[in-house]
Amino acid sequence: MNPMALMQMKGLYDRFKKNHPKVPMFFKAAGTSIGEGSIIEISVTDPAGKKMTTNMRVSAEDLEMFNQLKSMLG
């Protein structure tokens, strides 16, 4: 992976944390209880009020990716 792209991603993530401090705190707290078989659900409500929801059952491969992302982003 391109080191410059990683540095840029880290900067974007740091800005995201500053703008939305509760989101990383939520993922940090929830991350301790996410394991294989857990279900993650995400909802988005657009400005017009339309809501979309999806979910996923966490696999061992997903956990590996989550751990890699955690180590990359600190």
Protein backbone atom coordinates (compact mmCIF):
# COMPACT_ATOMS: atom_id res chain seq x y z
CA MET A 1 0.00 0.00 0.00
CA ASN A 2 1.17 3.50 -0.83
CA PRO A 3 2.65 5.18 2.29
CA MET A 4 1.46 8.61 1.11
CA ALA A 5 -2.09 7.30 0.77
CA LEU A 6 -1.87 5.91 4.31
CA MET A 7 -0.71 9.27 5.64
CA GLN A 8 -3.55 11.01 3.81
CA MET A 9 -6.07 8.50 5.18
CA LYS A 10 -4.73 9.05 8.71
CA GLY A 11 -5.21 12.82 8.30
CA LEU A 12 -8.76 12.36 7.06
CA TYR A 13 -9.52 10.00 9.94
CA ASP A 14 -8.10 12.47 12.48
CA ARG A 15 -10.35 15.20 11.06
CA PHE A 16 -13.34 12.83 11.15
CA LYS A 17 -12.63 12.09 14.84
CA LYS A 18 -12.50 15.80 15.58
CA ASN A 19 -15.79 16.49 13.76
CA HIS A 20 -17.64 13.42 15.08
CA PRO A 21 -16.02 12.39 18.39
CA LYS A 22 -18.88 10.11 19.47
CA VAL A 23 -18.56 7.82 16.44
CA PRO A 24 -15.01 6.54 17.13
CA MET A 25 -15.86 6.30 20.84
CA PHE A 26 -18.87 4.15 19.96
CA PHE A 27 -16.83 1.86 17.71
CA LYS A 28 -14.12 1.56 20.35
CA ALA A 29 -16.67 0.53 22.99
CA ALA A 30 -18.64 -1.73 20.66
CA GLY A 31 -15.46 -3.22 19.22
CA THR A 32 -14.70 -4.96 22.47
CA SER A 33 -17.87 -7.04 22.14
CA ILE A 34 -17.82 -7.67 18.37
CA GLY A 35 -16.90 -11.23 17.61
CA GLU A 36 -17.51 -13.84 14.97
CA GLY A 37 -21.26 -14.19 14.55
CA SER A 38 -22.06 -10.65 15.79
CA ILE A 39 -24.44 -8.65 13.64
CA ILE A 40 -23.60 -5.07 12.68
CA GLU A 41 -26.50 -2.93 11.48
CA ILE A 42 -26.13 0.45 9.77
CA SER A 43 -28.91 2.94 9.03
CA VAL A 44 -28.77 6.12 6.96
CA THR A 45 -31.51 8.74 6.88
CA ASP A 46 -31.17 11.25 4.06
CA PRO A 47 -32.21 14.91 4.41
CA ALA A 48 -35.63 14.09 2.91
CA GLY A 49 -36.26 11.52 5.66
CA LYS A 50 -35.77 8.39 3.52
CA LYS A 51 -34.16 5.65 5.60
CA MET A 52 -32.00 2.78 4.37
CA THR A 53 -30.78 -0.01 6.62
CA THR A 54 -28.47 -2.96 6.09
CA ASN A 55 -26.74 -5.48 8.31
CA MET A 56 -23.98 -8.07 8.19
CA ARG A 57 -22.99 -11.08 10.24
CA VAL A 58 -19.32 -10.76 11.21
CA SER A 59 -17.02 -13.53 9.94
CA ALA A 60 -13.48 -14.44 11.00
CA GLU A 61 -12.19 -12.73 7.84
CA ASP A 62 -14.09 -9.56 8.77
CA LEU A 63 -12.45 -9.56 12.21
CA GLU A 64 -9.04 -9.84 10.55
CA MET A 65 -9.83 -6.79 8.37
CA PHE A 66 -11.16 -4.82 11.38
CA ASN A 67 -7.96 -5.56 13.30
CA GLN A 68 -5.82 -4.42 10.36
CA LEU A 69 -7.81 -1.17 10.10
CA LYS A 70 -7.47 -0.59 13.85
CA SER A 71 -3.71 -1.01 13.68
CA MET A 72 -3.44 1.27 10.62
CA LEU A 73 -5.54 4.07 12.10
CA GLY A 74 -4.33 3.76 15.67
